[in-house]
Amino acid sequence: MDDALAFAALLRQLPAGSVAAYRGPGAGARMHVSGPAEPLPVFSVTKMFVAAGILRAVDAGLLTLADPLASRLPGAPTGCTIAQVLTHTAGLGNYTAHPQYLQAVMEDPGEPWDLEAIAAASNPGMPGTFAYSNTGYWYLGAMLEEVTAMSLGQYLHREIFEPADMASTRYPEPETSITPSGYSTLWAGPAGAAFSTPADLLCFGDLFSDSNPLFPSTLSAATRAAFMDSVPVEAQAPWREPRYGAGVMIDPGLRLWGHGGAGPGYRGAVFTSLATGAGAAVICPGQTDFSPESVLLSLLGSPPLRTPVPGPACRLPRL
């Protein structure tokens, strides 16, 4: 499909007020952008940024993915490796449905908790099996600050956003984390606090390829491979063979990689085709059941070898 036609098809499926970007296949493909360029919350898409930050730290010799989490972050839970935390197989639990957490967000939306409170509201799970864990990514963010002696925002800007030409993306400070409704995205912390634009989200993919000669990958071949080293995930149609790598959803059947995110006021997603290199990203307003992931999987995914059994859209827990 022609790039302009594909982008038009994407826009027709989005709710009013959405912003979007589409880049066709091939090196030097034009990027099509619709809507204001104001950075907006992307919630769990942040996990890809944190995971890339971990991989940059691996390349710098600051840690290895096989290291126990507690060996790099004093006071962290024992019995799990950094690789397990990245792939949600460390059994660190989640906090987003905890009654006290939900009440606190409602009563004080601009006063987010710290890691200690988040950990206290998380019910540990079973190590070795996939269980989506926002809590785990809080620990990864704290670990990056420990090993780099920098704030997470400063580190991600230097190592991820600047090399990828993501000029409009930020991991916020408290004063830059507040949305128009008065909610601080730092309630989501390293699991989902970042602000970005659809165009920047597509630029992120340049870190994992050499398709953009102006911004060559700053990651080694080994860490790029580790980004895609994945575990199976249970998810329904339109996913076919869902897996989770280092902060990224991957579907070898659809031949796609990316992530989605949702939270107070916004839903978004970014996916790139492993087959063609084409990519699309959207950020949509509102608290509807609209699934950006489903739209992008249908737009970019490889044609099925057989007719899939219909089912509801994927609903991984997320922030």
Protein backbone atom coordinates (compact mmCIF):
# COMPACT_ATOMS: atom_id res chain seq x y z
CA MET A 1 0.00 0.00 0.00
CA ASP A 2 1.19 3.51 -0.83
CA ASP A 3 2.56 5.34 2.24
CA ALA A 4 0.05 8.19 2.00
CA LEU A 5 -2.84 5.72 1.64
CA ALA A 6 -1.60 3.67 4.61
CA PHE A 7 -1.38 6.79 6.76
CA ALA A 8 -4.85 7.90 5.69
CA ALA A 9 -6.20 4.45 6.57
CA LEU A 10 -4.63 4.75 10.02
CA LEU A 11 -6.11 8.20 10.67
CA ARG A 12 -9.61 7.05 9.75
CA GLN A 13 -9.54 4.53 12.61
CA LEU A 14 -8.41 6.92 15.37
CA PRO A 15 -10.61 8.84 17.82
CA ALA A 16 -10.94 12.60 17.44
CA GLY A 17 -8.00 14.50 18.91
CA SER A 18 -5.47 11.72 18.29
CA VAL A 19 -1.92 12.38 17.10
CA ALA A 20 -0.12 9.93 14.83
CA ALA A 21 2.95 9.25 12.76
CA TYR A 22 3.68 6.73 10.02
CA ARG A 23 6.94 5.87 8.28
CA GLY A 24 6.98 3.59 5.28
CA PRO A 25 9.44 0.80 4.51
CA GLY A 26 12.97 1.34 3.34
CA ALA A 27 15.88 3.58 4.29
CA GLY A 28 15.08 7.27 4.06
CA ALA A 29 11.31 6.73 3.96
CA ARG A 30 9.26 9.86 4.54
CA MET A 31 7.56 10.28 7.91
CA HIS A 32 3.91 11.36 7.83
CA VAL A 33 2.72 13.20 10.95
CA SER A 34 -0.74 14.37 12.00
CA GLY A 35 -1.69 16.56 14.96
CA PRO A 36 0.18 18.89 17.31
CA ALA A 37 3.78 18.06 18.24
CA GLU A 38 3.23 18.57 21.98
CA PRO A 39 4.73 15.73 24.07
CA LEU A 40 2.05 13.60 25.71
CA PRO A 41 2.14 10.75 28.25
CA VAL A 42 2.98 7.40 26.68
CA PHE A 43 2.77 5.35 29.91
CA SER A 44 4.09 1.78 29.43
CA VAL A 45 5.91 2.63 26.21
CA THR A 46 8.40 4.07 28.75
CA LYS A 47 9.49 0.48 29.42
CA MET A 48 11.22 0.35 26.05
CA PHE A 49 13.24 3.45 26.96
CA VAL A 50 14.27 2.01 30.34
CA ALA A 51 15.18 -1.32 28.75
CA ALA A 52 17.32 0.46 26.15
CA GLY A 53 18.97 2.36 28.99
CA ILE A 54 19.82 -0.95 30.65
CA LEU A 55 21.34 -2.21 27.41
CA ARG A 56 23.45 0.94 27.08
CA ALA A 57 24.71 0.32 30.62
CA VAL A 58 25.60 -3.24 29.59
CA ASP A 59 27.61 -1.93 26.64
CA ALA A 60 29.35 0.50 29.00
CA GLY A 61 30.43 -2.36 31.27
CA LEU A 62 28.38 -1.14 34.25
CA LEU A 63 26.40 -4.39 34.58
CA THR A 64 25.39 -7.59 32.81
CA LEU A 65 21.90 -8.95 32.25
CA ALA A 66 22.87 -12.05 34.24
CA ASP A 67 23.65 -9.98 37.35
CA PRO A 68 21.32 -10.45 40.31
CA LEU A 69 19.19 -7.33 40.67
CA ALA A 70 20.18 -6.98 44.33
CA SER A 71 23.88 -6.97 43.40
CA ARG A 72 23.38 -3.69 41.54
CA LEU A 73 20.68 -2.12 43.72
CA PRO A 74 21.15 -2.48 47.49
CA GLY A 75 17.90 -3.41 49.21
CA ALA A 76 16.26 -4.77 46.07
CA PRO A 77 14.54 -8.18 46.14
CA THR A 78 16.87 -11.16 45.91
CA GLY A 79 16.55 -14.27 43.78
CA CYS A 80 16.13 -12.64 40.37
CA THR A 81 18.38 -11.39 37.59
CA ILE A 82 18.20 -8.15 35.66
CA ALA A 83 17.20 -10.13 32.56
CA GLN A 84 14.25 -11.63 34.44
CA VAL A 85 13.08 -8.22 35.57
CA LEU A 86 13.25 -6.92 32.00
CA THR A 87 11.07 -9.79 30.72
CA HIS A 88 8.58 -9.74 33.64
CA THR A 89 9.67 -13.19 34.81
CA ALA A 90 11.19 -12.13 38.16
CA GLY A 91 8.03 -12.56 40.23
CA LEU A 92 8.15 -9.00 41.60
CA GLY A 93 4.41 -8.46 41.44
CA ASN A 94 2.33 -5.43 40.52
CA TYR A 95 0.68 -2.54 42.32
CA THR A 96 -1.67 -0.86 39.86
CA ALA A 97 -4.82 -2.59 41.14
CA HIS A 98 -4.01 -2.23 44.85
CA PRO A 99 -6.93 -0.45 46.59
CA GLN A 100 -4.66 1.91 48.54
CA TYR A 101 -2.79 2.86 45.38
CA LEU A 102 -5.99 3.57 43.47
CA GLN A 103 -7.38 5.62 46.36
CA ALA A 104 -4.16 7.61 46.68
CA VAL A 105 -4.12 8.43 42.95
CA MET A 106 -7.71 9.63 43.15
CA GLU A 107 -7.23 11.73 46.29
CA ASP A 108 -3.78 13.17 45.48
CA PRO A 109 -3.19 12.87 41.73
CA GLY A 110 -0.30 15.32 41.80
CA GLU A 111 1.57 13.68 44.71
CA PRO A 112 3.04 10.38 43.47
CA TRP A 113 4.40 7.63 45.69
CA ASP A 114 8.06 6.63 45.88
CA LEU A 115 9.54 3.18 45.27
CA GLU A 116 9.19 2.14 48.92
CA ALA A 117 5.42 2.73 48.85
CA ILE A 118 5.09 1.08 45.44
CA ALA A 119 6.94 -2.02 46.66
CA ALA A 120 4.74 -2.23 49.76
CA ALA A 121 1.62 -2.29 47.55
CA SER A 122 2.97 -5.07 45.30
CA ASN A 123 2.12 -8.73 45.83
CA PRO A 124 5.10 -10.88 44.77
CA GLY A 125 4.44 -13.64 42.26
CA MET A 126 6.17 -16.78 41.06
CA PRO A 127 9.67 -16.28 39.60
CA GLY A 128 10.32 -17.94 36.28
CA THR A 129 6.93 -17.35 34.67
CA PHE A 130 5.67 -14.28 32.82
CA ALA A 131 3.59 -11.93 34.97
CA TYR A 132 3.45 -8.28 33.90
CA SER A 133 5.22 -6.29 36.60
CA ASN A 134 5.23 -2.51 36.64
CA THR A 135 6.99 -2.84 40.01
CA GLY A 136 9.96 -4.51 38.34
CA TYR A 137 10.55 -1.50 36.13
CA TRP A 138 10.56 0.80 39.16
CA TYR A 139 13.45 -1.30 40.45
CA LEU A 140 15.22 -1.10 37.08
CA GLY A 141 14.92 2.69 37.07
CA ALA A 142 16.33 2.89 40.59
CA MET A 143 19.15 0.54 39.60
CA LEU A 144 20.11 2.75 36.65
CA GLU A 145 20.31 5.73 38.96
CA GLU A 146 22.48 3.70 41.34
CA VAL A 147 24.99 2.46 38.78
CA THR A 148 25.23 5.70 36.76
CA ALA A 149 25.06 8.23 39.62
CA MET A 150 22.59 10.21 37.50
CA SER A 151 18.87 10.85 37.69
CA LEU A 152 16.87 8.57 35.40
CA GLY A 153 15.75 11.54 33.32
CA GLN A 154 19.31 12.77 32.79
CA TYR A 155 20.57 9.30 31.92
CA LEU A 156 17.80 8.51 29.43
CA HIS A 157 18.23 11.90 27.78
CA ARG A 158 21.97 11.37 27.33
CA GLU A 159 21.96 7.71 26.37
CA ILE A 160 18.62 7.21 24.56
CA PHE A 161 16.69 10.33 23.60
CA GLU A 162 19.59 12.42 22.28
CA PRO A 163 21.27 9.63 20.26
CA ALA A 164 17.90 8.71 18.69
CA ASP A 165 17.05 12.36 17.86
CA MET A 166 14.01 12.20 20.19
CA ALA A 167 14.10 15.92 20.90
CA SER A 168 10.53 16.10 22.23
CA THR A 169 10.76 13.14 24.60
CA ARG A 170 11.41 13.41 28.33
CA TYR A 171 11.37 11.40 31.50
CA PRO A 172 9.88 14.15 33.66
CA GLU A 173 10.90 15.88 36.80
CA PRO A 174 8.05 16.48 39.29
CA GLU A 175 7.34 19.95 37.90
CA THR A 176 7.12 18.67 34.29
CA SER A 177 5.11 15.54 35.06
CA ILE A 178 1.68 17.11 35.55
CA THR A 179 -1.01 16.60 32.90
CA PRO A 180 -3.85 19.10 32.29
CA SER A 181 -6.05 17.12 34.70
CA GLY A 182 -3.53 17.58 37.55
CA TYR A 183 -2.24 13.98 37.41
CA SER A 184 1.50 13.36 37.75
CA THR A 185 2.77 10.63 35.47
CA LEU A 186 5.39 9.91 38.13
CA TRP A 187 2.70 7.77 39.74
CA ALA A 188 3.80 5.36 36.99
CA GLY A 189 7.51 6.00 37.61
CA PRO A 190 10.03 4.14 35.44
CA ALA A 191 7.19 1.81 34.41
CA GLY A 192 5.37 4.57 32.56
CA ALA A 193 6.13 8.24 33.32
CA ALA A 194 7.62 9.42 30.00
CA PHE A 195 6.18 12.02 27.63
CA SER A 196 6.77 11.74 23.89
CA THR A 197 5.34 12.32 20.42
CA PRO A 198 4.45 9.77 17.73
CA ALA A 199 7.31 10.99 15.53
CA ASP A 200 9.81 10.55 18.37
CA LEU A 201 8.47 7.08 19.11
CA LEU A 202 9.30 6.05 15.56
CA CYS A 203 12.79 7.55 15.91
CA PHE A 204 13.37 5.26 18.89
CA GLY A 205 13.48 2.31 16.51
CA ASP A 206 16.63 3.73 14.90
CA LEU A 207 18.53 2.61 18.02
CA PHE A 208 17.95 -0.97 16.94
CA SER A 209 18.78 -0.69 13.28
CA ASP A 210 21.22 1.02 10.94
CA SER A 211 18.45 2.23 8.64
CA ASN A 212 18.94 5.92 9.44
CA PRO A 213 22.43 7.04 8.34
CA LEU A 214 22.10 10.30 10.29
CA PHE A 215 21.52 8.46 13.58
CA PRO A 216 23.31 5.09 13.49
CA SER A 217 22.66 2.64 16.29
CA THR A 218 24.52 3.33 19.51
CA LEU A 219 23.90 -0.21 20.76
CA SER A 220 26.16 -3.16 20.12
CA ALA A 221 24.97 -6.11 18.06
CA ALA A 222 24.89 -8.23 21.23
CA THR A 223 22.63 -5.86 23.15
CA ARG A 224 20.37 -5.36 20.13
CA ALA A 225 19.93 -9.13 20.07
CA ALA A 226 19.22 -9.11 23.82
CA PHE A 227 16.45 -6.56 23.26
CA MET A 228 14.61 -9.13 21.16
CA ASP A 229 15.42 -12.18 23.33
CA SER A 230 11.89 -13.01 24.48
CA VAL A 231 9.57 -15.22 26.50
CA PRO A 232 6.05 -16.36 25.50
CA VAL A 233 3.02 -14.33 26.62
CA GLU A 234 -0.64 -15.28 26.75
CA ALA A 235 -2.63 -12.79 24.68
CA GLN A 236 -5.61 -13.03 22.37
CA ALA A 237 -6.29 -11.87 18.82
CA PRO A 238 -5.11 -9.88 16.96
CA TRP A 239 -1.86 -11.22 18.45
CA ARG A 240 -0.70 -14.49 16.88
CA GLU A 241 2.55 -15.48 18.62
CA PRO A 242 2.95 -12.87 21.38
CA ARG A 243 6.26 -12.73 23.22
CA TYR A 244 7.97 -10.21 25.52
CA GLY A 245 11.61 -9.21 25.19
CA ALA A 246 13.58 -6.54 27.05
CA GLY A 247 10.77 -4.06 27.59
CA VAL A 248 9.20 -4.80 24.21
CA MET A 249 6.30 -6.84 22.83
CA ILE A 250 7.27 -9.02 19.87
CA ASP A 251 5.09 -11.16 17.60
CA PRO A 252 7.06 -13.39 15.19
CA GLY A 253 3.79 -14.39 13.51
CA LEU A 254 2.83 -10.81 12.74
CA ARG A 255 6.52 -9.90 12.42
CA LEU A 256 6.12 -6.83 14.63
CA TRP A 257 7.75 -5.28 17.67
CA GLY A 258 6.74 -2.37 19.90
CA HIS A 259 4.68 -1.51 22.95
CA GLY A 260 1.46 0.11 24.07
CA GLY A 261 0.55 2.12 27.12
CA ALA A 262 -2.53 3.51 28.83
CA GLY A 263 -3.25 5.67 31.85
CA PRO A 264 -5.33 8.63 33.02
CA GLY A 265 -6.31 10.60 29.94
CA TYR A 266 -4.25 8.89 27.23
CA ARG A 267 -3.72 5.63 25.33
CA GLY A 268 -0.88 5.08 22.89
CA ALA A 269 1.22 2.55 21.01
CA VAL A 270 4.13 2.24 18.62
CA PHE A 271 4.94 -0.76 16.42
CA THR A 272 7.43 -1.51 13.68
CA SER A 273 7.37 -4.27 11.09
CA LEU A 274 10.25 -6.73 11.24
CA ALA A 275 9.40 -7.66 7.65
CA THR A 276 9.42 -4.24 5.97
CA GLY A 277 10.69 -1.68 8.50
CA ALA A 278 7.45 0.32 8.23
CA GLY A 279 6.26 1.74 11.54
CA ALA A 280 3.41 3.69 13.08
CA ALA A 281 2.74 5.37 16.40
CA VAL A 282 -0.37 6.95 17.90
CA ILE A 283 -1.37 8.74 21.10
CA CYS A 284 -5.10 9.03 21.68
CA PRO A 285 -7.01 11.09 24.26
CA GLY A 286 -9.69 9.83 26.61
CA GLN A 287 -10.55 6.88 28.81
CA THR A 288 -12.32 4.73 26.22
CA ASP A 289 -11.86 1.05 25.40
CA PHE A 290 -10.24 1.99 22.10
CA SER A 291 -7.17 -0.21 21.50
CA PRO A 292 -4.32 1.53 19.62
CA GLU A 293 -2.38 -1.73 19.67
CA SER A 294 -5.09 -3.56 17.72
CA VAL A 295 -5.18 -0.86 15.06
CA LEU A 296 -1.41 -0.88 14.56
CA LEU A 297 -1.16 -4.68 14.56
CA SER A 298 -3.79 -4.82 11.81
CA LEU A 299 -2.13 -2.04 9.81
CA LEU A 300 1.45 -3.30 9.98
CA GLY A 301 1.24 -7.04 10.65
CA SER A 302 2.16 -9.63 8.06
CA PRO A 303 -0.85 -11.36 6.42
CA PRO A 304 -1.91 -14.52 8.28
CA LEU A 305 -1.15 -17.91 6.84
CA ARG A 306 -4.67 -18.96 7.83
CA THR A 307 -7.78 -17.22 9.06
CA PRO A 308 -7.37 -16.50 12.81
CA VAL A 309 -10.07 -17.34 15.31
CA PRO A 310 -11.79 -14.05 16.28
CA GLY A 311 -11.26 -12.89 19.84
CA PRO A 312 -11.07 -9.77 21.99
CA ALA A 313 -8.15 -7.39 21.71
CA CYS A 314 -5.06 -7.98 23.84
CA ARG A 315 -5.45 -6.57 27.35
CA LEU A 316 -2.09 -6.85 29.03
CA PRO A 317 -2.07 -4.93 32.32
CA ARG A 318 -0.14 -1.74 31.85
CA LEU A 319 0.46 1.83 32.77
